[in-house]
N, C-alpha and C. Protein backbone atom coordinates (compact mmCIF):
# COMPACT_ATOMS: atom_id res chain seq x y z
N UNK A 1 0.85 -1.16 0.00
CA UNK A 1 0.00 0.00 0.00
C UNK A 1 0.90 1.23 0.00
N UNK A 2 0.71 2.11 -0.96
CA UNK A 2 1.54 3.31 -0.99
C UNK A 2 1.17 4.26 0.15
N UNK A 3 2.18 4.81 0.78
CA UNK A 3 1.97 5.79 1.85
C UNK A 3 2.47 7.14 1.35
N UNK A 4 1.61 8.13 1.45
CA UNK A 4 1.95 9.45 0.95
C UNK A 4 1.76 10.49 2.04
N UNK A 5 2.17 11.70 1.76
CA UNK A 5 1.95 12.81 2.67
C UNK A 5 2.71 12.65 3.97
N UNK A 6 2.09 13.11 5.03
CA UNK A 6 2.74 13.13 6.34
C UNK A 6 3.09 11.72 6.83
N UNK A 7 2.19 10.76 6.64
CA UNK A 7 2.46 9.40 7.08
C UNK A 7 3.64 8.81 6.31
N UNK A 8 3.69 9.04 5.01
CA UNK A 8 4.81 8.57 4.21
C UNK A 8 6.14 9.16 4.69
N UNK A 9 6.11 10.44 5.03
CA UNK A 9 7.33 11.12 5.52
C UNK A 9 7.78 10.53 6.86
N UNK A 10 6.82 10.22 7.73
CA UNK A 10 7.16 9.62 9.03
C UNK A 10 7.83 8.27 8.82
N UNK A 11 7.23 7.45 7.97
CA UNK A 11 7.78 6.11 7.73
C UNK A 11 9.18 6.21 7.11
N UNK A 12 9.39 7.14 6.21
CA UNK A 12 10.72 7.32 5.62
C UNK A 12 11.75 7.73 6.67
N UNK A 13 11.37 8.64 7.57
CA UNK A 13 12.29 9.03 8.65
C UNK A 13 12.61 7.83 9.54
N UNK A 14 11.60 7.02 9.82
CA UNK A 14 11.83 5.85 10.66
C UNK A 14 12.71 4.83 9.94
N UNK A 15 12.54 4.72 8.63
CA UNK A 15 13.38 3.78 7.86
C UNK A 15 14.84 4.19 7.97
N UNK A 16 15.12 5.49 7.86
CA UNK A 16 16.51 5.92 7.97
C UNK A 16 17.03 5.76 9.39
N UNK A 17 16.14 5.80 10.38
CA UNK A 17 16.55 5.62 11.78
C UNK A 17 16.76 4.16 12.13
N UNK A 18 16.48 3.24 11.19
CA UNK A 18 16.69 1.82 11.48
C UNK A 18 18.17 1.45 11.47
N UNK A 19 19.01 2.26 10.85
CA UNK A 19 20.44 1.96 10.80
C UNK A 19 21.07 2.47 12.09
N UNK A 20 21.60 1.55 12.86
CA UNK A 20 22.21 1.88 14.15
C UNK A 20 23.69 1.55 14.12
N UNK A 21 24.49 2.36 14.81
CA UNK A 21 25.92 2.08 14.89
C UNK A 21 26.22 1.34 16.17
N UNK A 22 26.89 0.20 16.03
CA UNK A 22 27.32 -0.56 17.21
C UNK A 22 28.52 0.14 17.85
N UNK A 23 28.85 -0.26 19.04
CA UNK A 23 29.98 0.33 19.74
C UNK A 23 31.30 0.16 19.02
N UNK A 24 31.42 -0.86 18.17
CA UNK A 24 32.70 -1.11 17.47
C UNK A 24 32.76 -0.44 16.10
N UNK A 25 31.81 0.45 15.80
CA UNK A 25 31.85 1.21 14.55
C UNK A 25 31.15 0.57 13.37
N UNK A 26 30.58 -0.60 13.54
CA UNK A 26 29.83 -1.24 12.46
C UNK A 26 28.36 -0.86 12.56
N UNK A 27 27.69 -0.93 11.45
CA UNK A 27 26.27 -0.60 11.41
C UNK A 27 25.43 -1.87 11.46
N UNK A 28 24.25 -1.75 12.04
CA UNK A 28 23.29 -2.85 12.03
C UNK A 28 21.91 -2.25 11.80
N UNK A 29 21.00 -3.08 11.37
CA UNK A 29 19.63 -2.66 11.08
C UNK A 29 18.76 -2.99 12.28
N UNK A 30 18.04 -2.00 12.79
CA UNK A 30 17.13 -2.22 13.92
C UNK A 30 15.99 -3.13 13.47
N UNK A 31 15.57 -4.00 14.36
CA UNK A 31 14.50 -4.94 14.05
C UNK A 31 13.14 -4.25 13.97
N UNK A 32 12.97 -3.14 14.69
CA UNK A 32 11.68 -2.47 14.79
C UNK A 32 11.67 -1.16 14.03
N UNK A 33 10.51 -0.80 13.48
CA UNK A 33 10.37 0.48 12.78
C UNK A 33 10.37 1.60 13.81
N UNK A 34 9.60 1.43 14.88
CA UNK A 34 9.55 2.42 15.96
C UNK A 34 10.29 1.82 17.15
N UNK A 35 11.39 2.46 17.53
CA UNK A 35 12.25 1.90 18.57
C UNK A 35 13.01 3.01 19.28
N UNK A 36 13.64 2.62 20.37
CA UNK A 36 14.61 3.48 21.06
C UNK A 36 15.92 2.73 21.10
N UNK A 37 16.88 3.20 20.36
CA UNK A 37 18.19 2.55 20.26
C UNK A 37 18.09 1.07 19.93
N UNK A 38 17.13 0.72 19.06
CA UNK A 38 16.98 -0.65 18.61
C UNK A 38 16.08 -1.51 19.47
N UNK A 39 15.65 -0.99 20.60
CA UNK A 39 14.78 -1.75 21.51
C UNK A 39 13.33 -1.33 21.30
N UNK A 40 12.39 -2.25 21.50
CA UNK A 40 10.97 -1.88 21.33
C UNK A 40 10.58 -0.76 22.28
N UNK A 41 9.62 0.03 21.87
CA UNK A 41 9.23 1.22 22.64
C UNK A 41 8.44 0.88 23.90
N UNK A 42 7.94 -0.26 24.08
CA UNK A 42 7.24 -0.57 25.32
C UNK A 42 5.79 -0.95 25.10
N UNK A 43 5.00 -0.71 26.10
CA UNK A 43 3.62 -1.16 26.10
C UNK A 43 2.75 -0.27 25.21
N UNK A 44 2.15 -0.87 24.21
CA UNK A 44 1.31 -0.13 23.28
C UNK A 44 0.11 0.49 23.98
N UNK A 45 -0.46 -0.22 24.95
CA UNK A 45 -1.65 0.29 25.63
C UNK A 45 -1.38 1.62 26.33
N UNK A 46 -0.23 1.76 26.91
CA UNK A 46 0.13 3.02 27.58
C UNK A 46 0.27 4.15 26.54
N UNK A 47 0.94 3.84 25.43
CA UNK A 47 1.10 4.84 24.37
C UNK A 47 -0.25 5.22 23.77
N UNK A 48 -1.15 4.25 23.60
CA UNK A 48 -2.47 4.53 23.05
C UNK A 48 -3.27 5.41 24.01
N UNK A 49 -3.19 5.13 25.30
CA UNK A 49 -3.91 5.95 26.29
C UNK A 49 -3.40 7.39 26.26
N UNK A 50 -2.10 7.57 26.16
CA UNK A 50 -1.52 8.91 26.10
C UNK A 50 -1.98 9.63 24.83
N UNK A 51 -1.97 8.93 23.70
CA UNK A 51 -2.40 9.54 22.43
C UNK A 51 -3.87 9.93 22.49
N UNK A 52 -4.71 9.08 23.08
CA UNK A 52 -6.14 9.40 23.20
C UNK A 52 -6.35 10.65 24.02
N UNK A 53 -5.63 10.77 25.13
CA UNK A 53 -5.77 11.95 25.99
C UNK A 53 -5.35 13.21 25.23
N UNK A 54 -4.21 13.15 24.53
CA UNK A 54 -3.73 14.31 23.79
C UNK A 54 -4.69 14.71 22.67
N UNK A 55 -5.36 13.72 22.07
CA UNK A 55 -6.31 13.99 20.99
C UNK A 55 -7.71 14.27 21.51
N UNK A 56 -7.89 14.19 22.84
CA UNK A 56 -9.18 14.44 23.48
C UNK A 56 -10.27 13.49 22.97
N UNK A 57 -9.90 12.22 22.83
CA UNK A 57 -10.86 11.18 22.41
C UNK A 57 -10.71 9.95 23.32
N UNK A 58 -10.92 10.17 24.61
CA UNK A 58 -10.71 9.11 25.59
C UNK A 58 -11.56 7.87 25.36
N UNK A 59 -12.67 8.00 24.67
CA UNK A 59 -13.59 6.87 24.49
C UNK A 59 -13.22 5.97 23.32
N UNK A 60 -12.23 6.29 22.52
CA UNK A 60 -11.91 5.52 21.31
C UNK A 60 -11.06 4.30 21.63
N UNK A 61 -11.40 3.20 20.97
CA UNK A 61 -10.58 1.99 21.00
C UNK A 61 -9.68 2.00 19.79
N UNK A 62 -8.54 1.35 19.88
CA UNK A 62 -7.65 1.27 18.73
C UNK A 62 -8.37 0.60 17.56
N UNK A 63 -9.17 -0.42 17.86
CA UNK A 63 -9.89 -1.15 16.81
C UNK A 63 -10.86 -0.24 16.06
N UNK A 64 -11.33 0.83 16.70
CA UNK A 64 -12.23 1.78 16.04
C UNK A 64 -11.57 2.36 14.78
N UNK A 65 -10.26 2.54 14.80
CA UNK A 65 -9.57 3.09 13.64
C UNK A 65 -9.67 2.15 12.45
N UNK A 66 -9.62 0.86 12.72
CA UNK A 66 -9.75 -0.12 11.65
C UNK A 66 -11.15 -0.05 11.04
N UNK A 67 -12.14 0.03 11.89
CA UNK A 67 -13.51 0.12 11.41
C UNK A 67 -13.72 1.39 10.58
N UNK A 68 -13.22 2.50 11.09
CA UNK A 68 -13.36 3.78 10.39
C UNK A 68 -12.64 3.73 9.05
N UNK A 69 -11.44 3.19 9.02
CA UNK A 69 -10.69 3.10 7.77
C UNK A 69 -11.44 2.24 6.76
N UNK A 70 -11.98 1.13 7.22
CA UNK A 70 -12.72 0.24 6.33
C UNK A 70 -13.94 0.95 5.74
N UNK A 71 -14.70 1.63 6.59
CA UNK A 71 -15.87 2.38 6.11
C UNK A 71 -15.46 3.45 5.12
N UNK A 72 -14.41 4.19 5.44
CA UNK A 72 -13.96 5.27 4.55
C UNK A 72 -13.53 4.73 3.19
N UNK A 73 -12.86 3.57 3.18
CA UNK A 73 -12.43 3.00 1.90
C UNK A 73 -13.63 2.54 1.08
N UNK A 74 -14.64 1.95 1.73
CA UNK A 74 -15.84 1.53 1.02
C UNK A 74 -16.53 2.74 0.40
N UNK A 75 -16.69 3.80 1.19
CA UNK A 75 -17.34 5.03 0.69
C UNK A 75 -16.55 5.63 -0.47
N UNK A 76 -15.21 5.51 -0.42
CA UNK A 76 -14.36 6.06 -1.48
C UNK A 76 -14.33 5.18 -2.72
N UNK A 77 -14.95 3.99 -2.65
CA UNK A 77 -14.99 3.11 -3.81
C UNK A 77 -13.79 2.21 -3.96
N UNK A 78 -13.01 2.03 -2.91
CA UNK A 78 -11.86 1.13 -2.97
C UNK A 78 -12.38 -0.31 -3.04
N UNK A 79 -11.93 -1.12 -3.99
CA UNK A 79 -12.43 -2.49 -4.09
C UNK A 79 -12.08 -3.28 -2.83
N UNK A 80 -12.98 -4.20 -2.44
CA UNK A 80 -12.74 -5.01 -1.23
C UNK A 80 -11.59 -5.97 -1.40
N UNK A 81 -11.44 -6.54 -2.57
CA UNK A 81 -10.33 -7.46 -2.84
C UNK A 81 -9.54 -6.91 -4.02
N UNK A 82 -8.24 -6.87 -3.84
CA UNK A 82 -7.37 -6.41 -4.93
C UNK A 82 -6.96 -7.60 -5.78
N UNK A 83 -6.79 -7.42 -7.08
CA UNK A 83 -6.42 -8.55 -7.97
C UNK A 83 -5.04 -9.09 -7.67
């Protein structure tokens, strides 16, 4: 799926941040797209709760985004199955 605009820019920045330098001067690729020094960022539920508070949508579930995206794609005429 092509990512454009702000989301595409974020993913590109994260892709470049995947290259980490080891202590001996060699480079390695981080396993995670979103990480801190190659380690996973932690508990998703805590990050989701913080994001909901900042966006002032405390009642939203993460799964709601999937439902909304699906509805929006149907309304936009995106085919349900791609060839």
